Amino acid sequence: MNVGGEAPDFTLKDGEGNDWTLSDHRGRTVVLLFYPGDNTPVCTAQLCSVRDHWSEYQATGAEVVGISTDSVQSHKGFAEKNQLPLRLLSDADRKVSEMYDMRSWLPGRSARGVVVIDKSGKIAYHKVQALSLFKPADSDVLASIRKADGDK
């Protein structure tokens, strides 16, 4: 996955069963937060941290979504249980995870990582967590969003 390259388009179902298509958000910075699974300690901490910093994410104007291989139903329950404000997308067949080089050593899961796509549809930031035991720092994700928007 090359920073500066075109972000591959995809459509996934969210926790409500609605389609979410990347290309529908062209003209807006998009953040893809890949994580291994719902209701696991590190993933819960990661997404609850995003929730706790949500006003900062909203201030960037970016569309922020979480992506894991869990089902639509799992996402719905996980989001409700943790009062998550972001949309969670189901990549059950791992096609999007593979497309974005988020392959995990965990069978049937995606790696933990962050992809920021700029307003023109180019990949501005791509990071896979070397060890999925550590969540990405919100400050790093927010800085990458601002950089994608041209704020240095």
N, C-alpha and C. Protein backbone atom coordinates (compact mmCIF):
# COMPACT_ATOMS: atom_id res chain seq x y z
N MET A 1 0.85 -1.17 0.00
CA MET A 1 0.00 0.00 0.00
C MET A 1 0.90 1.23 0.00
N ASN A 2 0.81 2.02 -1.04
CA ASN A 2 1.69 3.17 -1.18
C ASN A 2 1.02 4.46 -0.77
N VAL A 3 1.67 5.19 0.13
CA VAL A 3 1.20 6.53 0.47
C VAL A 3 1.32 7.36 -0.80
N GLY A 4 0.27 8.09 -1.12
CA GLY A 4 0.22 8.88 -2.34
C GLY A 4 -0.54 8.18 -3.46
N GLY A 5 -0.75 6.87 -3.31
CA GLY A 5 -1.50 6.11 -4.30
C GLY A 5 -3.00 6.25 -4.11
N GLU A 6 -3.73 5.87 -5.13
CA GLU A 6 -5.19 5.91 -5.08
C GLU A 6 -5.72 4.87 -4.09
N ALA A 7 -6.65 5.28 -3.24
CA ALA A 7 -7.26 4.36 -2.27
C ALA A 7 -8.25 3.46 -3.00
N PRO A 8 -8.12 2.14 -2.86
CA PRO A 8 -9.07 1.23 -3.51
C PRO A 8 -10.48 1.44 -2.95
N ASP A 9 -11.45 1.49 -3.86
CA ASP A 9 -12.84 1.67 -3.45
C ASP A 9 -13.40 0.36 -2.92
N PHE A 10 -14.39 0.46 -2.05
CA PHE A 10 -15.05 -0.71 -1.50
C PHE A 10 -16.40 -0.31 -0.93
N THR A 11 -17.23 -1.31 -0.72
CA THR A 11 -18.51 -1.15 -0.04
C THR A 11 -18.61 -2.23 1.01
N LEU A 12 -18.93 -1.83 2.25
CA LEU A 12 -19.14 -2.77 3.35
C LEU A 12 -20.43 -2.41 4.07
N LYS A 13 -20.96 -3.36 4.81
CA LYS A 13 -22.16 -3.14 5.63
C LYS A 13 -21.76 -2.61 7.00
N ASP A 14 -22.56 -1.67 7.51
CA ASP A 14 -22.32 -1.17 8.86
C ASP A 14 -23.16 -1.95 9.86
N GLY A 15 -23.11 -1.56 11.12
CA GLY A 15 -23.81 -2.26 12.19
C GLY A 15 -25.32 -2.22 12.09
N GLU A 16 -25.84 -1.37 11.22
CA GLU A 16 -27.28 -1.30 10.98
C GLU A 16 -27.67 -2.08 9.72
N GLY A 17 -26.66 -2.65 9.04
CA GLY A 17 -26.92 -3.39 7.81
C GLY A 17 -26.95 -2.52 6.56
N ASN A 18 -26.57 -1.23 6.71
CA ASN A 18 -26.56 -0.30 5.57
C ASN A 18 -25.22 -0.36 4.86
N ASP A 19 -25.24 -0.15 3.55
CA ASP A 19 -24.00 -0.09 2.77
C ASP A 19 -23.26 1.21 3.06
N TRP A 20 -21.94 1.11 3.15
CA TRP A 20 -21.06 2.27 3.26
C TRP A 20 -20.01 2.10 2.17
N THR A 21 -19.93 3.09 1.26
CA THR A 21 -19.02 3.02 0.12
C THR A 21 -18.00 4.15 0.22
N LEU A 22 -16.73 3.80 0.13
CA LEU A 22 -15.67 4.78 0.26
C LEU A 22 -15.83 5.94 -0.73
N SER A 23 -16.06 5.64 -2.00
CA SER A 23 -16.11 6.70 -3.02
C SER A 23 -17.23 7.70 -2.79
N ASP A 24 -18.24 7.34 -2.00
CA ASP A 24 -19.31 8.28 -1.66
C ASP A 24 -18.80 9.43 -0.79
N HIS A 25 -17.61 9.28 -0.24
CA HIS A 25 -17.06 10.27 0.68
C HIS A 25 -15.92 11.08 0.07
N ARG A 26 -15.76 10.97 -1.25
CA ARG A 26 -14.74 11.75 -1.95
C ARG A 26 -15.01 13.22 -1.68
N GLY A 27 -13.97 14.00 -1.46
CA GLY A 27 -14.11 15.40 -1.11
C GLY A 27 -14.02 15.62 0.40
N ARG A 28 -13.90 14.53 1.12
CA ARG A 28 -13.79 14.58 2.58
C ARG A 28 -12.66 13.63 2.99
N THR A 29 -11.89 14.00 3.99
CA THR A 29 -10.87 13.10 4.52
C THR A 29 -11.57 11.92 5.20
N VAL A 30 -11.07 10.72 4.95
CA VAL A 30 -11.66 9.50 5.53
C VAL A 30 -10.58 8.77 6.32
N VAL A 31 -10.96 8.29 7.50
CA VAL A 31 -10.05 7.53 8.35
C VAL A 31 -10.61 6.12 8.50
N LEU A 32 -9.81 5.13 8.13
CA LEU A 32 -10.17 3.72 8.29
C LEU A 32 -9.37 3.18 9.48
N LEU A 33 -10.08 2.83 10.54
CA LEU A 33 -9.45 2.27 11.73
C LEU A 33 -9.67 0.75 11.71
N PHE A 34 -8.67 0.01 11.29
CA PHE A 34 -8.76 -1.44 11.25
C PHE A 34 -8.44 -1.99 12.64
N TYR A 35 -9.21 -2.98 13.08
CA TYR A 35 -8.97 -3.59 14.39
C TYR A 35 -9.37 -5.06 14.32
N PRO A 36 -8.71 -5.92 15.12
CA PRO A 36 -8.95 -7.36 15.02
C PRO A 36 -10.35 -7.83 15.39
N GLY A 37 -10.98 -7.28 16.44
CA GLY A 37 -12.29 -7.82 16.79
C GLY A 37 -13.03 -7.08 17.88
N ASP A 38 -14.33 -7.15 17.81
CA ASP A 38 -15.22 -6.56 18.81
C ASP A 38 -15.04 -7.27 20.15
N ASN A 39 -15.27 -6.53 21.22
CA ASN A 39 -15.32 -7.08 22.58
C ASN A 39 -14.04 -7.77 23.02
N THR A 40 -12.91 -7.33 22.50
CA THR A 40 -11.62 -7.79 22.98
C THR A 40 -10.98 -6.63 23.75
N PRO A 41 -10.12 -6.90 24.70
CA PRO A 41 -9.62 -5.82 25.56
C PRO A 41 -8.96 -4.65 24.83
N VAL A 42 -8.01 -4.92 23.94
CA VAL A 42 -7.29 -3.83 23.29
C VAL A 42 -8.20 -3.11 22.29
N CYS A 43 -9.00 -3.85 21.56
CA CYS A 43 -9.91 -3.23 20.58
C CYS A 43 -10.95 -2.37 21.28
N THR A 44 -11.46 -2.86 22.39
CA THR A 44 -12.43 -2.07 23.15
C THR A 44 -11.76 -0.79 23.65
N ALA A 45 -10.55 -0.90 24.18
CA ALA A 45 -9.82 0.28 24.65
C ALA A 45 -9.57 1.25 23.50
N GLN A 46 -9.21 0.74 22.33
CA GLN A 46 -8.94 1.58 21.16
C GLN A 46 -10.17 2.37 20.77
N LEU A 47 -11.29 1.68 20.59
CA LEU A 47 -12.49 2.35 20.09
C LEU A 47 -13.14 3.22 21.16
N CYS A 48 -13.01 2.86 22.43
CA CYS A 48 -13.51 3.72 23.50
C CYS A 48 -12.65 4.98 23.61
N SER A 49 -11.36 4.87 23.30
CA SER A 49 -10.50 6.04 23.29
C SER A 49 -10.92 7.00 22.16
N VAL A 50 -11.25 6.44 21.00
CA VAL A 50 -11.77 7.27 19.91
C VAL A 50 -13.06 7.96 20.38
N ARG A 51 -13.92 7.20 21.02
CA ARG A 51 -15.17 7.77 21.56
C ARG A 51 -14.86 8.92 22.52
N ASP A 52 -13.89 8.72 23.40
CA ASP A 52 -13.56 9.73 24.40
C ASP A 52 -12.91 10.97 23.79
N HIS A 53 -12.34 10.84 22.60
CA HIS A 53 -11.73 11.97 21.89
C HIS A 53 -12.58 12.39 20.68
N TRP A 54 -13.83 11.96 20.66
CA TRP A 54 -14.68 12.15 19.49
C TRP A 54 -14.81 13.62 19.07
N SER A 55 -14.89 14.52 20.03
CA SER A 55 -15.02 15.94 19.67
C SER A 55 -13.79 16.41 18.88
N GLU A 56 -12.62 15.89 19.21
CA GLU A 56 -11.40 16.24 18.47
C GLU A 56 -11.45 15.66 17.05
N TYR A 57 -11.93 14.42 16.92
CA TYR A 57 -12.08 13.82 15.59
C TYR A 57 -13.09 14.61 14.77
N GLN A 58 -14.22 14.95 15.38
CA GLN A 58 -15.25 15.70 14.66
C GLN A 58 -14.74 17.06 14.21
N ALA A 59 -13.90 17.69 15.02
CA ALA A 59 -13.37 19.01 14.69
C ALA A 59 -12.55 18.99 13.41
N THR A 60 -11.99 17.82 13.05
CA THR A 60 -11.20 17.72 11.81
C THR A 60 -12.09 17.68 10.58
N GLY A 61 -13.37 17.31 10.77
CA GLY A 61 -14.27 17.17 9.63
C GLY A 61 -14.13 15.84 8.90
N ALA A 62 -13.26 14.97 9.40
CA ALA A 62 -13.03 13.68 8.74
C ALA A 62 -14.16 12.70 9.04
N GLU A 63 -14.38 11.79 8.09
CA GLU A 63 -15.29 10.66 8.28
C GLU A 63 -14.44 9.54 8.86
N VAL A 64 -14.77 9.09 10.08
CA VAL A 64 -13.98 8.08 10.78
C VAL A 64 -14.82 6.82 10.92
N VAL A 65 -14.30 5.69 10.42
CA VAL A 65 -15.00 4.41 10.52
C VAL A 65 -14.05 3.34 11.06
N GLY A 66 -14.63 2.39 11.78
CA GLY A 66 -13.88 1.23 12.23
C GLY A 66 -14.18 0.06 11.32
N ILE A 67 -13.18 -0.79 11.09
CA ILE A 67 -13.35 -1.96 10.22
C ILE A 67 -12.75 -3.18 10.91
N SER A 68 -13.56 -4.22 11.05
CA SER A 68 -13.04 -5.51 11.51
C SER A 68 -13.78 -6.61 10.77
N THR A 69 -13.36 -7.83 11.02
CA THR A 69 -13.96 -8.97 10.33
C THR A 69 -15.19 -9.49 11.06
N ASP A 70 -15.59 -8.84 12.14
CA ASP A 70 -16.79 -9.27 12.85
C ASP A 70 -18.05 -8.97 12.04
N SER A 71 -19.14 -9.63 12.42
CA SER A 71 -20.41 -9.52 11.70
C SER A 71 -21.11 -8.19 11.97
N VAL A 72 -22.07 -7.89 11.13
CA VAL A 72 -22.92 -6.71 11.30
C VAL A 72 -23.57 -6.75 12.68
N GLN A 73 -24.09 -7.90 13.07
CA GLN A 73 -24.76 -8.03 14.37
C GLN A 73 -23.79 -7.79 15.52
N SER A 74 -22.58 -8.30 15.41
CA SER A 74 -21.57 -8.10 16.44
C SER A 74 -21.25 -6.62 16.57
N HIS A 75 -21.09 -5.95 15.43
CA HIS A 75 -20.80 -4.50 15.45
C HIS A 75 -21.91 -3.72 16.12
N LYS A 76 -23.14 -4.08 15.81
CA LYS A 76 -24.28 -3.37 16.38
C LYS A 76 -24.25 -3.47 17.91
N GLY A 77 -24.08 -4.65 18.44
CA GLY A 77 -24.04 -4.86 19.88
C GLY A 77 -22.84 -4.20 20.54
N PHE A 78 -21.68 -4.30 19.90
CA PHE A 78 -20.45 -3.71 20.42
C PHE A 78 -20.58 -2.19 20.50
N ALA A 79 -21.10 -1.58 19.43
CA ALA A 79 -21.27 -0.12 19.40
C ALA A 79 -22.27 0.34 20.46
N GLU A 80 -23.37 -0.39 20.59
CA GLU A 80 -24.38 -0.01 21.59
C GLU A 80 -23.83 -0.16 23.01
N LYS A 81 -23.18 -1.28 23.28
CA LYS A 81 -22.64 -1.56 24.62
C LYS A 81 -21.64 -0.49 25.06
N ASN A 82 -20.83 0.00 24.12
CA ASN A 82 -19.77 0.95 24.44
C ASN A 82 -20.09 2.39 24.03
N GLN A 83 -21.32 2.61 23.57
CA GLN A 83 -21.76 3.95 23.13
C GLN A 83 -20.76 4.57 22.15
N LEU A 84 -20.42 3.81 21.12
CA LEU A 84 -19.45 4.27 20.13
C LEU A 84 -20.14 5.17 19.11
N PRO A 85 -19.58 6.35 18.86
CA PRO A 85 -20.19 7.27 17.92
C PRO A 85 -19.82 7.02 16.45
N LEU A 86 -18.79 6.22 16.21
CA LEU A 86 -18.35 5.98 14.85
C LEU A 86 -19.03 4.75 14.27
N ARG A 87 -19.11 4.75 12.95
CA ARG A 87 -19.71 3.62 12.23
C ARG A 87 -18.70 2.48 12.18
N LEU A 88 -19.16 1.26 12.44
CA LEU A 88 -18.32 0.07 12.36
C LEU A 88 -18.73 -0.73 11.14
N LEU A 89 -17.75 -1.10 10.33
CA LEU A 89 -18.00 -1.81 9.08
C LEU A 89 -17.53 -3.25 9.17
N SER A 90 -18.33 -4.15 8.60
CA SER A 90 -18.04 -5.58 8.64
C SER A 90 -17.30 -6.03 7.38
N ASP A 91 -16.07 -6.48 7.57
CA ASP A 91 -15.24 -7.02 6.49
C ASP A 91 -15.08 -8.52 6.71
N ALA A 92 -16.22 -9.21 6.74
CA ALA A 92 -16.26 -10.63 7.12
C ALA A 92 -15.37 -11.51 6.23
N ASP A 93 -15.24 -11.17 4.96
CA ASP A 93 -14.42 -12.00 4.07
C ASP A 93 -12.97 -11.50 3.97
N ARG A 94 -12.63 -10.47 4.73
CA ARG A 94 -11.28 -9.90 4.81
C ARG A 94 -10.77 -9.29 3.51
N LYS A 95 -11.63 -9.09 2.53
CA LYS A 95 -11.17 -8.55 1.25
C LYS A 95 -10.63 -7.12 1.39
N VAL A 96 -11.31 -6.30 2.17
CA VAL A 96 -10.86 -4.92 2.33
C VAL A 96 -9.59 -4.88 3.17
N SER A 97 -9.52 -5.70 4.21
CA SER A 97 -8.31 -5.78 5.02
C SER A 97 -7.11 -6.16 4.16
N GLU A 98 -7.30 -7.11 3.28
CA GLU A 98 -6.21 -7.53 2.38
C GLU A 98 -5.88 -6.44 1.37
N MET A 99 -6.91 -5.77 0.85
CA MET A 99 -6.73 -4.70 -0.12
C MET A 99 -5.85 -3.58 0.45
N TYR A 100 -6.00 -3.34 1.75
CA TYR A 100 -5.28 -2.26 2.43
C TYR A 100 -4.07 -2.77 3.22
N ASP A 101 -3.61 -3.98 2.91
CA ASP A 101 -2.44 -4.58 3.56
C ASP A 101 -2.57 -4.62 5.08
N MET A 102 -3.74 -5.01 5.54
CA MET A 102 -3.99 -5.16 6.97
C MET A 102 -4.16 -6.64 7.30
N ARG A 103 -3.25 -7.45 6.79
CA ARG A 103 -3.29 -8.89 7.06
C ARG A 103 -2.78 -9.16 8.47
N SER A 104 -3.49 -10.00 9.17
CA SER A 104 -3.13 -10.31 10.56
C SER A 104 -2.53 -11.70 10.68
N TRP A 105 -1.73 -11.88 11.69
CA TRP A 105 -1.24 -13.22 12.03
C TRP A 105 -2.32 -14.00 12.75
N LEU A 106 -3.39 -13.32 13.19
CA LEU A 106 -4.53 -14.00 13.81
C LEU A 106 -5.44 -14.53 12.73
N PRO A 107 -5.73 -15.82 12.72
CA PRO A 107 -6.59 -16.39 11.67
C PRO A 107 -7.96 -15.71 11.63
N GLY A 108 -8.39 -15.32 10.44
CA GLY A 108 -9.72 -14.75 10.24
C GLY A 108 -9.89 -13.32 10.69
N ARG A 109 -8.80 -12.67 11.06
CA ARG A 109 -8.87 -11.30 11.57
C ARG A 109 -8.11 -10.33 10.67
N SER A 110 -8.36 -9.04 10.88
CA SER A 110 -7.54 -8.03 10.23
C SER A 110 -6.49 -7.57 11.24
N ALA A 111 -5.45 -6.97 10.74
CA ALA A 111 -4.44 -6.38 11.63
C ALA A 111 -5.02 -5.09 12.23
N ARG A 112 -4.34 -4.57 13.22
CA ARG A 112 -4.71 -3.27 13.78
C ARG A 112 -3.91 -2.23 13.00
N GLY A 113 -4.60 -1.25 12.46
CA GLY A 113 -3.89 -0.23 11.70
C GLY A 113 -4.79 0.94 11.36
N VAL A 114 -4.17 1.96 10.78
CA VAL A 114 -4.86 3.19 10.44
C VAL A 114 -4.51 3.57 9.01
N VAL A 115 -5.54 3.93 8.24
CA VAL A 115 -5.35 4.48 6.91
C VAL A 115 -6.11 5.80 6.85
N VAL A 116 -5.41 6.86 6.43
CA VAL A 116 -6.06 8.15 6.23
C VAL A 116 -6.05 8.42 4.73
N ILE A 117 -7.22 8.73 4.21
CA ILE A 117 -7.40 8.99 2.78
C ILE A 117 -7.76 10.46 2.63
N ASP A 118 -7.02 11.17 1.79
CA ASP A 118 -7.27 12.60 1.65
C ASP A 118 -8.51 12.87 0.80
N LYS A 119 -8.86 14.13 0.69
CA LYS A 119 -10.09 14.53 0.01
C LYS A 119 -10.13 14.14 -1.47
N SER A 120 -8.95 13.95 -2.07
CA SER A 120 -8.90 13.57 -3.48
C SER A 120 -8.89 12.06 -3.68
N GLY A 121 -8.95 11.29 -2.58
CA GLY A 121 -9.00 9.84 -2.69
C GLY A 121 -7.64 9.17 -2.67
N LYS A 122 -6.60 9.91 -2.28
CA LYS A 122 -5.25 9.36 -2.20
C LYS A 122 -4.93 8.97 -0.76
N ILE A 123 -4.11 7.93 -0.61
CA ILE A 123 -3.70 7.49 0.71
C ILE A 123 -2.66 8.48 1.24
N ALA A 124 -3.00 9.12 2.35
CA ALA A 124 -2.11 10.12 2.96
C ALA A 124 -1.31 9.53 4.11
N TYR A 125 -1.82 8.45 4.70
CA TYR A 125 -1.17 7.84 5.87
C TYR A 125 -1.59 6.38 5.91
N HIS A 126 -0.61 5.52 6.19
CA HIS A 126 -0.88 4.07 6.28
C HIS A 126 0.06 3.49 7.32
N LYS A 127 -0.52 2.98 8.40
CA LYS A 127 0.32 2.40 9.44
C LYS A 127 -0.34 1.14 9.98
N VAL A 128 0.42 0.07 10.00
CA VAL A 128 -0.01 -1.18 10.61
C VAL A 128 0.73 -1.29 11.94
N GLN A 129 -0.01 -1.56 13.01
CA GLN A 129 0.64 -1.74 14.31
C GLN A 129 1.44 -3.04 14.28
N ALA A 130 2.72 -2.95 14.54
CA ALA A 130 3.58 -4.13 14.50
C ALA A 130 3.08 -5.20 15.47
N LEU A 131 2.70 -4.79 16.65
CA LEU A 131 2.10 -5.69 17.62
C LEU A 131 0.67 -5.22 17.85
N SER A 132 -0.28 -6.09 17.62
CA SER A 132 -1.68 -5.67 17.77
C SER A 132 -2.08 -5.54 19.24
N LEU A 133 -1.12 -5.70 20.15
CA LEU A 133 -1.40 -5.53 21.57
C LEU A 133 -1.44 -4.06 21.98
N PHE A 134 -0.99 -3.18 21.06
CA PHE A 134 -0.96 -1.76 21.34
C PHE A 134 -1.88 -1.02 20.38
N LYS A 135 -2.68 -0.12 20.93
CA LYS A 135 -3.59 0.65 20.09
C LYS A 135 -2.88 1.88 19.55
N PRO A 136 -3.33 2.37 18.39
CA PRO A 136 -2.75 3.61 17.87
C PRO A 136 -3.08 4.77 18.81
N ALA A 137 -2.16 5.70 18.95
CA ALA A 137 -2.40 6.88 19.79
C ALA A 137 -3.33 7.83 19.05
N ASP A 138 -4.36 8.28 19.73
CA ASP A 138 -5.30 9.23 19.10
C ASP A 138 -4.56 10.46 18.60
N SER A 139 -3.57 10.93 19.35
CA SER A 139 -2.83 12.12 18.93
C SER A 139 -2.14 11.90 17.58
N ASP A 140 -1.62 10.69 17.35
CA ASP A 140 -0.98 10.37 16.07
C ASP A 140 -2.01 10.34 14.93
N VAL A 141 -3.15 9.74 15.20
CA VAL A 141 -4.21 9.66 14.18
C VAL A 141 -4.71 11.06 13.84
N LEU A 142 -4.95 11.87 14.87
CA LEU A 142 -5.43 13.24 14.65
C LEU A 142 -4.40 14.06 13.88
N ALA A 143 -3.12 13.90 14.20
CA ALA A 143 -2.07 14.61 13.48
C ALA A 143 -2.03 14.19 12.02
N SER A 144 -2.24 12.90 11.74
CA SER A 144 -2.22 12.43 10.35
C SER A 144 -3.42 12.96 9.57
N ILE A 145 -4.55 13.14 10.25
CA ILE A 145 -5.72 13.74 9.59
C ILE A 145 -5.42 15.19 9.22
N ARG A 146 -4.88 15.92 10.17
CA ARG A 146 -4.56 17.33 9.91
C ARG A 146 -3.54 17.47 8.79
N LYS A 147 -2.56 16.58 8.77
CA LYS A 147 -1.54 16.63 7.72
C LYS A 147 -2.18 16.34 6.35
N ALA A 148 -3.09 15.37 6.31
CA ALA A 148 -3.79 15.05 5.05
C ALA A 148 -4.60 16.24 4.55
N ASP A 149 -5.09 17.04 5.48
CA ASP A 149 -5.87 18.22 5.13
C ASP A 149 -5.00 19.41 4.80
N GLY A 150 -3.67 19.23 4.86
CA GLY A 150 -2.77 20.30 4.49
C GLY A 150 -2.29 21.16 5.64
N ASP A 151 -2.72 20.84 6.86
CA ASP A 151 -2.24 21.57 8.03
C ASP A 151 -0.93 20.93 8.47
N LYS A 152 0.10 21.67 8.54
CA LYS A 152 1.41 21.11 8.88
C LYS A 152 1.68 21.17 10.36
